[in-house]
Amino acid sequence: MAFSADSRIADIVREKPKAAELLGKYATDMGVSPQMIQLALGMTLRQVAGWARLEQGKVDALVAELNKL
């Protein structure tokens, strides 16, 4: 399954367990605690990025890294 900015966090983590570690890294870079990501499992990457004010370039980089896993 290829991921996009419209992929739900829960689907990403279920499909690729190593994605949780990568999401945690990006969460820390955004100033969001990894525990907050747990609360966002039903949200898409795009929704989380908007909430965290993450630039589109970083969203694209995250999606690219997720798809390499």
N, C-alpha and C. Protein backbone atom coordinates (compact mmCIF):
# COMPACT_ATOMS: atom_id res chain seq x y z
N MET A 1 0.84 -1.18 0.00
CA MET A 1 0.00 0.00 0.00
C MET A 1 0.88 1.25 0.00
N ALA A 2 0.65 2.13 -0.94
CA ALA A 2 1.39 3.39 -0.97
C ALA A 2 0.68 4.40 -0.09
N PHE A 3 1.46 5.12 0.69
CA PHE A 3 0.90 6.12 1.60
C PHE A 3 0.88 7.49 0.94
N SER A 4 -0.02 8.33 1.43
CA SER A 4 -0.11 9.71 0.97
C SER A 4 -0.43 10.57 2.18
N ALA A 5 -0.54 11.87 1.95
CA ALA A 5 -0.90 12.78 3.03
C ALA A 5 -2.31 12.50 3.54
N ASP A 6 -3.10 11.77 2.75
CA ASP A 6 -4.48 11.45 3.15
C ASP A 6 -4.60 10.10 3.84
N SER A 7 -3.46 9.45 4.11
CA SER A 7 -3.47 8.18 4.83
C SER A 7 -3.69 8.43 6.32
N ARG A 8 -4.49 7.55 6.93
CA ARG A 8 -4.72 7.68 8.38
C ARG A 8 -3.51 7.14 9.15
N ILE A 9 -3.20 7.79 10.24
CA ILE A 9 -2.07 7.39 11.08
C ILE A 9 -2.22 5.92 11.49
N ALA A 10 -3.41 5.52 11.92
CA ALA A 10 -3.63 4.14 12.35
C ALA A 10 -3.34 3.15 11.23
N ASP A 11 -3.73 3.47 10.01
CA ASP A 11 -3.49 2.57 8.88
C ASP A 11 -2.00 2.44 8.59
N ILE A 12 -1.30 3.55 8.68
CA ILE A 12 0.14 3.55 8.43
C ILE A 12 0.86 2.66 9.44
N VAL A 13 0.54 2.85 10.71
CA VAL A 13 1.21 2.10 11.77
C VAL A 13 0.84 0.62 11.69
N ARG A 14 -0.39 0.31 11.35
CA ARG A 14 -0.81 -1.09 11.22
C ARG A 14 -0.09 -1.77 10.05
N GLU A 15 0.02 -1.06 8.95
CA GLU A 15 0.64 -1.61 7.73
C GLU A 15 2.16 -1.74 7.88
N LYS A 16 2.77 -0.75 8.50
CA LYS A 16 4.23 -0.70 8.65
C LYS A 16 4.58 -0.38 10.10
N PRO A 17 4.74 -1.38 10.95
CA PRO A 17 5.02 -1.13 12.36
C PRO A 17 6.23 -0.20 12.61
N LYS A 18 7.23 -0.24 11.73
CA LYS A 18 8.40 0.64 11.91
C LYS A 18 8.03 2.11 11.67
N ALA A 19 6.87 2.35 11.09
CA ALA A 19 6.44 3.72 10.84
C ALA A 19 6.21 4.49 12.14
N ALA A 20 5.87 3.78 13.21
CA ALA A 20 5.63 4.45 14.49
C ALA A 20 6.88 5.19 14.95
N GLU A 21 8.03 4.57 14.76
CA GLU A 21 9.31 5.19 15.14
C GLU A 21 9.56 6.44 14.29
N LEU A 22 9.32 6.33 13.00
CA LEU A 22 9.52 7.45 12.09
C LEU A 22 8.55 8.59 12.41
N LEU A 23 7.30 8.25 12.68
CA LEU A 23 6.31 9.27 13.05
C LEU A 23 6.71 9.94 14.36
N GLY A 24 7.26 9.15 15.28
CA GLY A 24 7.73 9.72 16.54
C GLY A 24 8.84 10.73 16.33
N LYS A 25 9.74 10.44 15.40
CA LYS A 25 10.84 11.37 15.09
C LYS A 25 10.27 12.67 14.53
N TYR A 26 9.37 12.57 13.58
CA TYR A 26 8.78 13.78 13.01
C TYR A 26 7.95 14.53 14.05
N ALA A 27 7.27 13.80 14.92
CA ALA A 27 6.47 14.44 15.97
C ALA A 27 7.36 15.28 16.87
N THR A 28 8.51 14.71 17.25
CA THR A 28 9.45 15.43 18.10
C THR A 28 9.95 16.69 17.39
N ASP A 29 10.27 16.56 16.10
CA ASP A 29 10.72 17.71 15.32
C ASP A 29 9.65 18.80 15.23
N MET A 30 8.36 18.39 15.29
CA MET A 30 7.25 19.34 15.21
C MET A 30 6.93 19.93 16.57
N GLY A 31 7.57 19.42 17.61
CA GLY A 31 7.25 19.88 18.96
C GLY A 31 6.01 19.20 19.51
N VAL A 32 5.67 18.05 18.96
CA VAL A 32 4.51 17.28 19.39
C VAL A 32 5.03 16.02 20.06
N SER A 33 4.53 15.72 21.24
CA SER A 33 5.01 14.52 21.93
C SER A 33 4.50 13.28 21.21
N PRO A 34 5.29 12.21 21.22
CA PRO A 34 4.84 10.96 20.61
C PRO A 34 3.50 10.48 21.19
N GLN A 35 3.24 10.80 22.45
CA GLN A 35 1.96 10.42 23.06
C GLN A 35 0.79 11.12 22.37
N MET A 36 1.02 12.34 21.89
CA MET A 36 -0.03 13.06 21.18
C MET A 36 -0.37 12.38 19.87
N ILE A 37 0.62 11.72 19.25
CA ILE A 37 0.36 10.99 18.01
C ILE A 37 -0.65 9.88 18.29
N GLN A 38 -0.58 9.27 19.46
CA GLN A 38 -1.55 8.24 19.82
C GLN A 38 -2.98 8.79 19.76
N LEU A 39 -3.14 10.03 20.15
CA LEU A 39 -4.46 10.65 20.11
C LEU A 39 -4.91 10.95 18.69
N ALA A 40 -3.97 10.96 17.76
CA ALA A 40 -4.26 11.32 16.37
C ALA A 40 -4.40 10.11 15.46
N LEU A 41 -4.54 8.92 16.01
CA LEU A 41 -4.58 7.71 15.19
C LEU A 41 -5.70 7.74 14.15
N GLY A 42 -6.80 8.38 14.44
CA GLY A 42 -7.92 8.45 13.50
C GLY A 42 -7.79 9.56 12.47
N MET A 43 -6.74 10.35 12.60
CA MET A 43 -6.54 11.48 11.70
C MET A 43 -5.63 11.10 10.55
N THR A 44 -5.70 11.87 9.47
CA THR A 44 -4.78 11.67 8.35
C THR A 44 -3.50 12.45 8.60
N LEU A 45 -2.47 12.12 7.84
CA LEU A 45 -1.22 12.89 7.94
C LEU A 45 -1.48 14.37 7.65
N ARG A 46 -2.32 14.64 6.67
CA ARG A 46 -2.64 16.02 6.30
C ARG A 46 -3.28 16.77 7.48
N GLN A 47 -4.21 16.11 8.17
CA GLN A 47 -4.87 16.73 9.31
C GLN A 47 -3.88 17.01 10.44
N VAL A 48 -3.02 16.04 10.71
CA VAL A 48 -2.02 16.22 11.77
C VAL A 48 -1.05 17.33 11.39
N ALA A 49 -0.65 17.35 10.12
CA ALA A 49 0.28 18.38 9.66
C ALA A 49 -0.33 19.77 9.80
N GLY A 50 -1.60 19.90 9.48
CA GLY A 50 -2.27 21.20 9.62
C GLY A 50 -2.35 21.62 11.08
N TRP A 51 -2.67 20.67 11.93
CA TRP A 51 -2.77 20.92 13.36
C TRP A 51 -1.42 21.33 13.93
N ALA A 52 -0.34 20.67 13.44
CA ALA A 52 1.01 20.94 13.94
C ALA A 52 1.73 22.02 13.14
N ARG A 53 1.04 22.57 12.12
CA ARG A 53 1.63 23.62 11.28
C ARG A 53 2.92 23.16 10.60
N LEU A 54 2.88 21.95 10.07
CA LEU A 54 4.03 21.38 9.38
C LEU A 54 4.00 21.82 7.93
N GLU A 55 5.13 22.27 7.43
CA GLU A 55 5.24 22.72 6.03
C GLU A 55 4.98 21.56 5.08
N GLN A 56 4.44 21.89 3.90
CA GLN A 56 4.12 20.86 2.90
C GLN A 56 5.36 20.06 2.51
N GLY A 57 6.51 20.72 2.42
CA GLY A 57 7.74 20.02 2.06
C GLY A 57 8.09 18.93 3.06
N LYS A 58 7.85 19.18 4.34
CA LYS A 58 8.14 18.18 5.36
C LYS A 58 7.11 17.05 5.31
N VAL A 59 5.87 17.39 4.98
CA VAL A 59 4.85 16.36 4.82
C VAL A 59 5.26 15.44 3.67
N ASP A 60 5.67 16.03 2.57
CA ASP A 60 6.11 15.25 1.41
C ASP A 60 7.30 14.37 1.75
N ALA A 61 8.24 14.89 2.53
CA ALA A 61 9.42 14.11 2.92
C ALA A 61 9.01 12.95 3.81
N LEU A 62 8.09 13.19 4.73
CA LEU A 62 7.59 12.13 5.61
C LEU A 62 6.91 11.03 4.80
N VAL A 63 6.05 11.41 3.88
CA VAL A 63 5.35 10.44 3.04
C VAL A 63 6.37 9.62 2.23
N ALA A 64 7.38 10.28 1.69
CA ALA A 64 8.41 9.57 0.92
C ALA A 64 9.15 8.56 1.79
N GLU A 65 9.49 8.97 3.01
CA GLU A 65 10.19 8.05 3.92
C GLU A 65 9.30 6.89 4.30
N LEU A 66 8.02 7.14 4.55
CA LEU A 66 7.09 6.07 4.89
C LEU A 66 6.97 5.06 3.76
N ASN A 67 6.97 5.55 2.55
CA ASN A 67 6.84 4.66 1.39
C ASN A 67 8.10 3.85 1.13
N LYS A 68 9.21 4.25 1.71
CA LYS A 68 10.47 3.49 1.55
C LYS A 68 10.58 2.35 2.56
N LEU A 69 9.76 2.40 3.60
CA LEU A 69 9.84 1.36 4.65
C LEU A 69 9.42 0.01 4.10
